[in-house]
Amino acid sequence: MFSKSVQRVSSSTSRMAKRFTSSRSGSEGATAASGSFGQKEKAVENVWARSHDAEKLKLLREALAKQEKDTAALKKDLEALEQKHTSK
């Protein structure tokens, strides 16, 4: 009795799984299937990604310039201390 109910559940589950699966894997939907909408959306996303990356690069370059300036100042202080220490 229990095995029959398990068989019924498993067979109905497999039928439901077959019913809800798409024949095309990775489909993007009806609007993207036309092509032009998907291409435009991809182009807009690419423009956004490039501008976002450009902004990140700008900030990183500014941070690098600040670090290089700080490093140069520290090297100058270190050299001054070394000269002061060796001159004694």
PDB file of N, CA and C in Angstrom:
ATOM      1  N   MET A   1       0.824  -1.192   0.000  1.00  0.00           N
ATOM      2  CA  MET A   1       0.000   0.000   0.000  1.00  0.00           C
ATOM      3  C   MET A   1       0.877   1.268   0.000  1.00  0.00           C
ATOM      4  N   PHE A   2       1.864   1.253   0.852  1.00  0.00           N
ATOM      5  CA  PHE A   2       2.757   2.407   0.920  1.00  0.00           C
ATOM      6  C   PHE A   2       3.577   2.548  -0.355  1.00  0.00           C
ATOM      7  N   SER A   3       4.023   1.442  -0.909  1.00  0.00           N
ATOM      8  CA  SER A   3       4.828   1.505  -2.127  1.00  0.00           C
ATOM      9  C   SER A   3       4.016   2.014  -3.309  1.00  0.00           C
ATOM     10  N   LYS A   4       2.719   1.705  -3.356  1.00  0.00           N
ATOM     11  CA  LYS A   4       1.871   2.196  -4.444  1.00  0.00           C
ATOM     12  C   LYS A   4       1.705   3.712  -4.357  1.00  0.00           C
ATOM     13  N   SER A   5       1.551   4.234  -3.138  1.00  0.00           N
ATOM     14  CA  SER A   5       1.396   5.685  -3.000  1.00  0.00           C
ATOM     15  C   SER A   5       2.694   6.405  -3.355  1.00  0.00           C
ATOM     16  N   VAL A   6       3.829   5.792  -3.036  1.00  0.00           N
ATOM     17  CA  VAL A   6       5.115   6.382  -3.394  1.00  0.00           C
ATOM     18  C   VAL A   6       5.274   6.388  -4.903  1.00  0.00           C
ATOM     19  N   GLN A   7       4.857   5.303  -5.557  1.00  0.00           N
ATOM     20  CA  GLN A   7       4.943   5.243  -7.006  1.00  0.00           C
ATOM     21  C   GLN A   7       4.057   6.307  -7.644  1.00  0.00           C
ATOM     22  N   ARG A   8       2.867   6.515  -7.074  1.00  0.00           N
ATOM     23  CA  ARG A   8       1.959   7.528  -7.621  1.00  0.00           C
ATOM     24  C   ARG A   8       2.570   8.927  -7.493  1.00  0.00           C
ATOM     25  N   VAL A   9       3.129   9.210  -6.319  1.00  0.00           N
ATOM     26  CA  VAL A   9       3.713  10.531  -6.088  1.00  0.00           C
ATOM     27  C   VAL A   9       4.905  10.748  -7.010  1.00  0.00           C
ATOM     28  N   SER A  10       5.768   9.749  -7.124  1.00  0.00           N
ATOM     29  CA  SER A  10       6.953   9.930  -7.960  1.00  0.00           C
ATOM     30  C   SER A  10       6.589  10.058  -9.434  1.00  0.00           C
ATOM     31  N   SER A  11       5.582   9.320  -9.895  1.00  0.00           N
ATOM     32  CA  SER A  11       5.201   9.430 -11.303  1.00  0.00           C
ATOM     33  C   SER A  11       4.512  10.758 -11.585  1.00  0.00           C
ATOM     34  N   SER A  12       3.693  11.238 -10.640  1.00  0.00           N
ATOM     35  CA  SER A  12       3.041  12.530 -10.866  1.00  0.00           C
ATOM     36  C   SER A  12       4.057  13.667 -10.796  1.00  0.00           C
ATOM     37  N   THR A  13       5.069  13.514  -9.949  1.00  0.00           N
ATOM     38  CA  THR A  13       6.113  14.530  -9.854  1.00  0.00           C
ATOM     39  C   THR A  13       6.913  14.599 -11.143  1.00  0.00           C
ATOM     40  N   SER A  14       7.227  13.439 -11.710  1.00  0.00           N
ATOM     41  CA  SER A  14       7.990  13.457 -12.955  1.00  0.00           C
ATOM     42  C   SER A  14       7.167  14.039 -14.092  1.00  0.00           C
ATOM     43  N   ARG A  15       5.853  13.803 -14.091  1.00  0.00           N
ATOM     44  CA  ARG A  15       5.003  14.403 -15.119  1.00  0.00           C
ATOM     45  C   ARG A  15       4.963  15.921 -14.970  1.00  0.00           C
ATOM     46  N   MET A  16       4.889  16.402 -13.723  1.00  0.00           N
ATOM     47  CA  MET A  16       4.872  17.850 -13.494  1.00  0.00           C
ATOM     48  C   MET A  16       6.198  18.471 -13.905  1.00  0.00           C
ATOM     49  N   ALA A  17       7.285  17.779 -13.617  1.00  0.00           N
ATOM     50  CA  ALA A  17       8.598  18.304 -13.989  1.00  0.00           C
ATOM     51  C   ALA A  17       8.718  18.403 -15.498  1.00  0.00           C
ATOM     52  N   LYS A  18       8.206  17.422 -16.209  1.00  0.00           N
ATOM     53  CA  LYS A  18       8.252  17.472 -17.661  1.00  0.00           C
ATOM     54  C   LYS A  18       7.389  18.602 -18.188  1.00  0.00           C
ATOM     55  N   ARG A  19       6.272  18.850 -17.545  1.00  0.00           N
ATOM     56  CA  ARG A  19       5.351  19.871 -17.995  1.00  0.00           C
ATOM     57  C   ARG A  19       5.936  21.273 -17.824  1.00  0.00           C
ATOM     58  N   PHE A  20       6.686  21.490 -16.754  1.00  0.00           N
ATOM     59  CA  PHE A  20       7.176  22.825 -16.451  1.00  0.00           C
ATOM     60  C   PHE A  20       8.567  23.108 -16.994  1.00  0.00           C
ATOM     61  N   THR A  21       9.197  22.173 -17.631  1.00  0.00           N
ATOM     62  CA  THR A  21      10.511  22.447 -18.203  1.00  0.00           C
ATOM     63  C   THR A  21      10.359  23.027 -19.597  1.00  0.00           C
ATOM     64  N   SER A  22      11.282  23.867 -19.940  1.00  0.00           N
ATOM     65  CA  SER A  22      11.265  24.506 -21.247  1.00  0.00           C
ATOM     66  C   SER A  22      12.033  23.646 -22.242  1.00  0.00           C
ATOM     67  N   SER A  23      11.630  23.715 -23.471  1.00  0.00           N
ATOM     68  CA  SER A  23      12.356  22.964 -24.494  1.00  0.00           C
ATOM     69  C   SER A  23      13.696  23.629 -24.799  1.00  0.00           C
ATOM     70  N   ARG A  24      13.772  24.959 -24.606  1.00  0.00           N
ATOM     71  CA  ARG A  24      15.027  25.686 -24.807  1.00  0.00           C
ATOM     72  C   ARG A  24      15.608  26.015 -23.444  1.00  0.00           C
ATOM     73  N   SER A  25      16.795  25.598 -23.204  1.00  0.00           N
ATOM     74  CA  SER A  25      17.410  25.925 -21.925  1.00  0.00           C
ATOM     75  C   SER A  25      18.028  27.317 -22.018  1.00  0.00           C
ATOM     76  N   GLY A  26      17.889  28.098 -20.942  1.00  0.00           N
ATOM     77  CA  GLY A  26      18.474  29.422 -20.916  1.00  0.00           C
ATOM     78  C   GLY A  26      17.718  30.448 -21.727  1.00  0.00           C
ATOM     79  N   SER A  27      16.430  30.227 -21.972  1.00  0.00           N
ATOM     80  CA  SER A  27      15.671  31.204 -22.749  1.00  0.00           C
ATOM     81  C   SER A  27      15.445  32.445 -21.909  1.00  0.00           C
ATOM     82  N   GLU A  28      15.422  33.594 -22.542  1.00  0.00           N
ATOM     83  CA  GLU A  28      15.308  34.854 -21.832  1.00  0.00           C
ATOM     84  C   GLU A  28      13.894  35.392 -21.805  1.00  0.00           C
ATOM     85  N   GLY A  29      12.976  34.753 -22.417  1.00  0.00           N
ATOM     86  CA  GLY A  29      11.603  35.213 -22.415  1.00  0.00           C
ATOM     87  C   GLY A  29      11.162  35.636 -23.797  1.00  0.00           C
ATOM     88  N   ALA A  30       9.894  35.993 -23.884  1.00  0.00           N
ATOM     89  CA  ALA A  30       9.309  36.311 -25.184  1.00  0.00           C
ATOM     90  C   ALA A  30       9.856  37.613 -25.760  1.00  0.00           C
ATOM     91  N   THR A  31      10.069  38.627 -24.907  1.00  0.00           N
ATOM     92  CA  THR A  31      10.538  39.912 -25.431  1.00  0.00           C
ATOM     93  C   THR A  31      11.980  39.837 -25.896  1.00  0.00           C
ATOM     94  N   ALA A  32      12.795  39.052 -25.205  1.00  0.00           N
ATOM     95  CA  ALA A  32      14.195  38.941 -25.616  1.00  0.00           C
ATOM     96  C   ALA A  32      14.358  38.002 -26.799  1.00  0.00           C
ATOM     97  N   ALA A  33      13.354  37.183 -27.047  1.00  0.00           N
ATOM     98  CA  ALA A  33      13.455  36.244 -28.161  1.00  0.00           C
ATOM     99  C   ALA A  33      13.449  36.972 -29.500  1.00  0.00           C
ATOM    100  N   SER A  34      12.854  38.172 -29.537  1.00  0.00           N
ATOM    101  CA  SER A  34      12.817  38.911 -30.794  1.00  0.00           C
ATOM    102  C   SER A  34      14.208  39.365 -31.220  1.00  0.00           C
ATOM    103  N   GLY A  35      15.111  39.530 -30.275  1.00  0.00           N
ATOM    104  CA  GLY A  35      16.487  39.858 -30.625  1.00  0.00           C
ATOM    105  C   GLY A  35      16.833  41.313 -30.421  1.00  0.00           C
ATOM    106  N   SER A  36      16.058  42.225 -30.969  1.00  0.00           N
ATOM    107  CA  SER A  36      16.425  43.639 -30.893  1.00  0.00           C
ATOM    108  C   SER A  36      16.352  44.157 -29.462  1.00  0.00           C
ATOM    109  N   PHE A  37      15.355  43.731 -28.707  1.00  0.00           N
ATOM    110  CA  PHE A  37      15.257  44.177 -27.316  1.00  0.00           C
ATOM    111  C   PHE A  37      16.442  43.663 -26.511  1.00  0.00           C
ATOM    112  N   GLY A  38      16.779  42.415 -26.703  1.00  0.00           N
ATOM    113  CA  GLY A  38      17.910  41.833 -25.988  1.00  0.00           C
ATOM    114  C   GLY A  38      19.217  42.504 -26.348  1.00  0.00           C
ATOM    115  N   GLN A  39      19.389  42.822 -27.627  1.00  0.00           N
ATOM    116  CA  GLN A  39      20.615  43.491 -28.062  1.00  0.00           C
ATOM    117  C   GLN A  39      20.711  44.889 -27.473  1.00  0.00           C
ATOM    118  N   LYS A  40      19.587  45.612 -27.455  1.00  0.00           N
ATOM    119  CA  LYS A  40      19.595  46.967 -26.902  1.00  0.00           C
ATOM    120  C   LYS A  40      19.875  46.924 -25.406  1.00  0.00           C
ATOM    121  N   GLU A  41      19.243  45.988 -24.715  1.00  0.00           N
ATOM    122  CA  GLU A  41      19.460  45.868 -23.281  1.00  0.00           C
ATOM    123  C   GLU A  41      20.923  45.535 -22.981  1.00  0.00           C
ATOM    124  N   LYS A  42      21.500  44.655 -23.761  1.00  0.00           N
ATOM    125  CA  LYS A  42      22.903  44.296 -23.579  1.00  0.00           C
ATOM    126  C   LYS A  42      23.808  45.495 -23.841  1.00  0.00           C
ATOM    127  N   ALA A  43      23.487  46.287 -24.859  1.00  0.00           N
ATOM    128  CA  ALA A  43      24.283  47.477 -25.174  1.00  0.00           C
ATOM    129  C   ALA A  43      24.210  48.498 -24.045  1.00  0.00           C
ATOM    130  N   VAL A  44      23.020  48.692 -23.492  1.00  0.00           N
ATOM    131  CA  VAL A  44      22.856  49.636 -22.384  1.00  0.00           C
ATOM    132  C   VAL A  44      23.646  49.154 -21.171  1.00  0.00           C
ATOM    133  N   GLU A  45      23.580  47.860 -20.898  1.00  0.00           N
ATOM    134  CA  GLU A  45      24.338  47.313 -19.775  1.00  0.00           C
ATOM    135  C   GLU A  45      25.841  47.469 -19.996  1.00  0.00           C
ATOM    136  N   ASN A  46      26.297  47.286 -21.220  1.00  0.00           N
ATOM    137  CA  ASN A  46      27.723  47.448 -21.519  1.00  0.00           C
ATOM    138  C   ASN A  46      28.170  48.892 -21.327  1.00  0.00           C
ATOM    139  N   VAL A  47      27.338  49.844 -21.745  1.00  0.00           N
ATOM    140  CA  VAL A  47      27.671  51.264 -21.562  1.00  0.00           C
ATOM    141  C   VAL A  47      27.766  51.580 -20.079  1.00  0.00           C
ATOM    142  N   TRP A  48      26.795  51.078 -19.306  1.00  0.00           N
ATOM    143  CA  TRP A  48      26.816  51.326 -17.865  1.00  0.00           C
ATOM    144  C   TRP A  48      28.060  50.704 -17.243  1.00  0.00           C
ATOM    145  N   ALA A  49      28.377  49.485 -17.626  1.00  0.00           N
ATOM    146  CA  ALA A  49      29.535  48.798 -17.047  1.00  0.00           C
ATOM    147  C   ALA A  49      30.827  49.539 -17.376  1.00  0.00           C
ATOM    148  N   ARG A  50      30.950  50.016 -18.605  1.00  0.00           N
ATOM    149  CA  ARG A  50      32.164  50.757 -18.980  1.00  0.00           C
ATOM    150  C   ARG A  50      32.287  52.057 -18.201  1.00  0.00           C
ATOM    151  N   SER A  51      31.182  52.790 -18.045  1.00  0.00           N
ATOM    152  CA  SER A  51      31.246  54.045 -17.291  1.00  0.00           C
ATOM    153  C   SER A  51      31.531  53.770 -15.822  1.00  0.00           C
ATOM    154  N   HIS A  52      30.953  52.703 -15.300  1.00  0.00           N
ATOM    155  CA  HIS A  52      31.200  52.333 -13.908  1.00  0.00           C
ATOM    156  C   HIS A  52      32.668  51.959 -13.712  1.00  0.00           C
ATOM    157  N   ASP A  53      33.211  51.180 -14.626  1.00  0.00           N
ATOM    158  CA  ASP A  53      34.622  50.803 -14.546  1.00  0.00           C
ATOM    159  C   ASP A  53      35.534  52.014 -14.705  1.00  0.00           C
ATOM    160  N   ALA A  54      35.160  52.945 -15.580  1.00  0.00           N
ATOM    161  CA  ALA A  54      35.964  54.157 -15.767  1.00  0.00           C
ATOM    162  C   ALA A  54      35.986  54.986 -14.490  1.00  0.00           C
ATOM    163  N   GLU A  55      34.858  55.078 -13.815  1.00  0.00           N
ATOM    164  CA  GLU A  55      34.793  55.825 -12.555  1.00  0.00           C
ATOM    165  C   GLU A  55      35.658  55.144 -11.491  1.00  0.00           C
ATOM    166  N   LYS A  56      35.598  53.830 -11.433  1.00  0.00           N
ATOM    167  CA  LYS A  56      36.424  53.102 -10.470  1.00  0.00           C
ATOM    168  C   LYS A  56      37.907  53.299 -10.766  1.00  0.00           C
ATOM    169  N   LEU A  57      38.282  53.261 -12.051  1.00  0.00           N
ATOM    170  CA  LEU A  57      39.680  53.486 -12.424  1.00  0.00           C
ATOM    171  C   LEU A  57      40.136  54.889 -12.045  1.00  0.00           C
ATOM    172  N   LYS A  58      39.269  55.866 -12.246  1.00  0.00           N
ATOM    173  CA  LYS A  58      39.604  57.248 -11.894  1.00  0.00           C
ATOM    174  C   LYS A  58      39.872  57.356 -10.394  1.00  0.00           C
ATOM    175  N   LEU A  59      38.997  56.758  -9.589  1.00  0.00           N
ATOM    176  CA  LEU A  59      39.175  56.808  -8.138  1.00  0.00           C
ATOM    177  C   LEU A  59      40.443  56.073  -7.707  1.00  0.00           C
ATOM    178  N   LEU A  60      40.713  54.943  -8.337  1.00  0.00           N
ATOM    179  CA  LEU A  60      41.921  54.194  -7.995  1.00  0.00           C
ATOM    180  C   LEU A  60      43.184  54.950  -8.382  1.00  0.00           C
ATOM    181  N   ARG A  61      43.160  55.625  -9.531  1.00  0.00           N
ATOM    182  CA  ARG A  61      44.330  56.422  -9.937  1.00  0.00           C
ATOM    183  C   ARG A  61      44.566  57.577  -8.975  1.00  0.00           C
ATOM    184  N   GLU A  62      43.476  58.208  -8.521  1.00  0.00           N
ATOM    185  CA  GLU A  62      43.610  59.294  -7.551  1.00  0.00           C
ATOM    186  C   GLU A  62      44.181  58.773  -6.236  1.00  0.00           C
ATOM    187  N   ALA A  63      43.702  57.615  -5.796  1.00  0.00           N
ATOM    188  CA  ALA A  63      44.214  57.028  -4.557  1.00  0.00           C
ATOM    189  C   ALA A  63      45.683  56.654  -4.706  1.00  0.00           C
ATOM    190  N   LEU A  64      46.057  56.126  -5.866  1.00  0.00           N
ATOM    191  CA  LEU A  64      47.453  55.767  -6.120  1.00  0.00           C
ATOM    192  C   LEU A  64      48.341  57.005  -6.105  1.00  0.00           C
ATOM    193  N   ALA A  65      47.883  58.088  -6.720  1.00  0.00           N
ATOM    194  CA  ALA A  65      48.670  59.327  -6.730  1.00  0.00           C
ATOM    195  C   ALA A  65      48.869  59.846  -5.309  1.00  0.00           C
ATOM    196  N   LYS A  66      47.828  59.763  -4.492  1.00  0.00           N
ATOM    197  CA  LYS A  66      47.936  60.208  -3.096  1.00  0.00           C
ATOM    198  C   LYS A  66      48.925  59.328  -2.335  1.00  0.00           C
ATOM    199  N   GLN A  67      48.853  58.029  -2.551  1.00  0.00           N
ATOM    200  CA  GLN A  67      49.778  57.117  -1.877  1.00  0.00           C
ATOM    201  C   GLN A  67      51.221  57.367  -2.315  1.00  0.00           C
ATOM    202  N   GLU A  68      51.420  57.622  -3.604  1.00  0.00           N
ATOM    203  CA  GLU A  68      52.772  57.908  -4.089  1.00  0.00           C
ATOM    204  C   GLU A  68      53.307  59.194  -3.478  1.00  0.00           C
ATOM    205  N   LYS A  69      52.439  60.191  -3.327  1.00  0.00           N
ATOM    206  CA  LYS A  69      52.842  61.455  -2.704  1.00  0.00           C
ATOM    207  C   LYS A  69      53.219  61.219  -1.244  1.00  0.00           C
ATOM    208  N   ASP A  70      52.401  60.441  -0.530  1.00  0.00           N
ATOM    209  CA  ASP A  70      52.696  60.136   0.873  1.00  0.00           C
ATOM    210  C   ASP A  70      53.981  59.322   1.003  1.00  0.00           C
ATOM    211  N   THR A  71      54.187  58.385   0.094  1.00  0.00           N
ATOM    212  CA  THR A  71      55.400  57.567   0.114  1.00  0.00           C
ATOM    213  C   THR A  71      56.637  58.428  -0.123  1.00  0.00           C
ATOM    214  N   ALA A  72      56.543  59.359  -1.056  1.00  0.00           N
ATOM    215  CA  ALA A  72      57.677  60.252  -1.323  1.00  0.00           C
ATOM    216  C   ALA A  72      57.992  61.096  -0.091  1.00  0.00           C
ATOM    217  N   ALA A  73      56.962  61.575   0.596  1.00  0.00           N
ATOM    218  CA  ALA A  73      57.184  62.370   1.806  1.00  0.00           C
ATOM    219  C   ALA A  73      57.830  61.520   2.898  1.00  0.00           C
ATOM    220  N   LEU A  74      57.386  60.276   3.042  1.00  0.00           N
ATOM    221  CA  LEU A  74      57.980  59.390   4.047  1.00  0.00           C
ATOM    222  C   LEU A  74      59.434  59.060   3.714  1.00  0.00           C
ATOM    223  N   LYS A  75      59.730  58.853   2.436  1.00  0.00           N
ATOM    224  CA  LYS A  75      61.115  58.585   2.031  1.00  0.00           C
ATOM    225  C   LYS A  75      62.004  59.783   2.340  1.00  0.00           C
ATOM    226  N   LYS A  76      61.472  60.978   2.103  1.00  0.00           N
ATOM    227  CA  LYS A  76      62.233  62.199   2.382  1.00  0.00           C
ATOM    228  C   LYS A  76      62.518  62.307   3.881  1.00  0.00           C
ATOM    229  N   ASP A  77      61.507  62.028   4.712  1.00  0.00           N
ATOM    230  CA  ASP A  77      61.701  62.065   6.166  1.00  0.00           C
ATOM    231  C   ASP A  77      62.701  61.001   6.613  1.00  0.00           C
ATOM    232  N   LEU A  78      62.625  59.815   6.025  1.00  0.00           N
ATOM    233  CA  LEU A  78      63.540  58.732   6.371  1.00  0.00           C
ATOM    234  C   LEU A  78      64.974  59.102   6.020  1.00  0.00           C
ATOM    235  N   GLU A  79      65.174  59.673   4.844  1.00  0.00           N
ATOM    236  CA  GLU A  79      66.520  60.088   4.440  1.00  0.00           C
ATOM    237  C   GLU A  79      67.058  61.169   5.365  1.00  0.00           C
ATOM    238  N   ALA A  80      66.193  62.091   5.778  1.00  0.00           N
ATOM    239  CA  ALA A  80      66.627  63.149   6.697  1.00  0.00           C
ATOM    240  C   ALA A  80      67.032  62.556   8.042  1.00  0.00           C
ATOM    241  N   LEU A  81      66.274  61.582   8.531  1.00  0.00           N
ATOM    242  CA  LEU A  81      66.623  60.947   9.803  1.00  0.00           C
ATOM    243  C   LEU A  81      67.911  60.138   9.687  1.00  0.00           C
ATOM    244  N   GLU A  82      68.099  59.450   8.548  1.00  0.00           N
ATOM    245  CA  GLU A  82      69.330  58.678   8.357  1.00  0.00           C
ATOM    246  C   GLU A  82      70.546  59.597   8.303  1.00  0.00           C
ATOM    247  N   GLN A  83      70.423  60.741   7.639  1.00  0.00           N
ATOM    248  CA  GLN A  83      71.540  61.689   7.563  1.00  0.00           C
ATOM    249  C   GLN A  83      71.833  62.269   8.940  1.00  0.00           C
ATOM    250  N   LYS A  84      70.782  62.531   9.701  1.00  0.00           N
ATOM    251  CA  LYS A  84      70.961  63.078  11.042  1.00  0.00           C
ATOM    252  C   LYS A  84      71.647  62.054  11.938  1.00  0.00           C
ATOM    253  N   HIS A  85      71.270  60.791  11.791  1.00  0.00           N
ATOM    254  CA  HIS A  85      71.837  59.732  12.624  1.00  0.00           C
ATOM    255  C   HIS A  85      73.290  59.428  12.241  1.00  0.00           C
ATOM    256  N   THR A  86      73.605  59.433  10.957  1.00  0.00           N
ATOM    257  CA  THR A  86      74.968  59.115  10.516  1.00  0.00           C
ATOM    258  C   THR A  86      75.930  60.280  10.730  1.00  0.00           C
ATOM    259  N   SER A  87      75.435  61.497  10.812  1.00  0.00           N
ATOM    260  CA  SER A  87      76.322  62.651  10.988  1.00  0.00           C
ATOM    261  C   SER A  87      76.807  62.783  12.423  1.00  0.00           C
ATOM    262  N   LYS A  88      76.197  62.116  13.364  1.00  0.00           N
ATOM    263  CA  LYS A  88      76.629  62.214  14.769  1.00  0.00           C
ATOM    264  C   LYS A  88      77.826  61.395  15.065  1.00  0.00           C
TER     265      LYS A  88
END
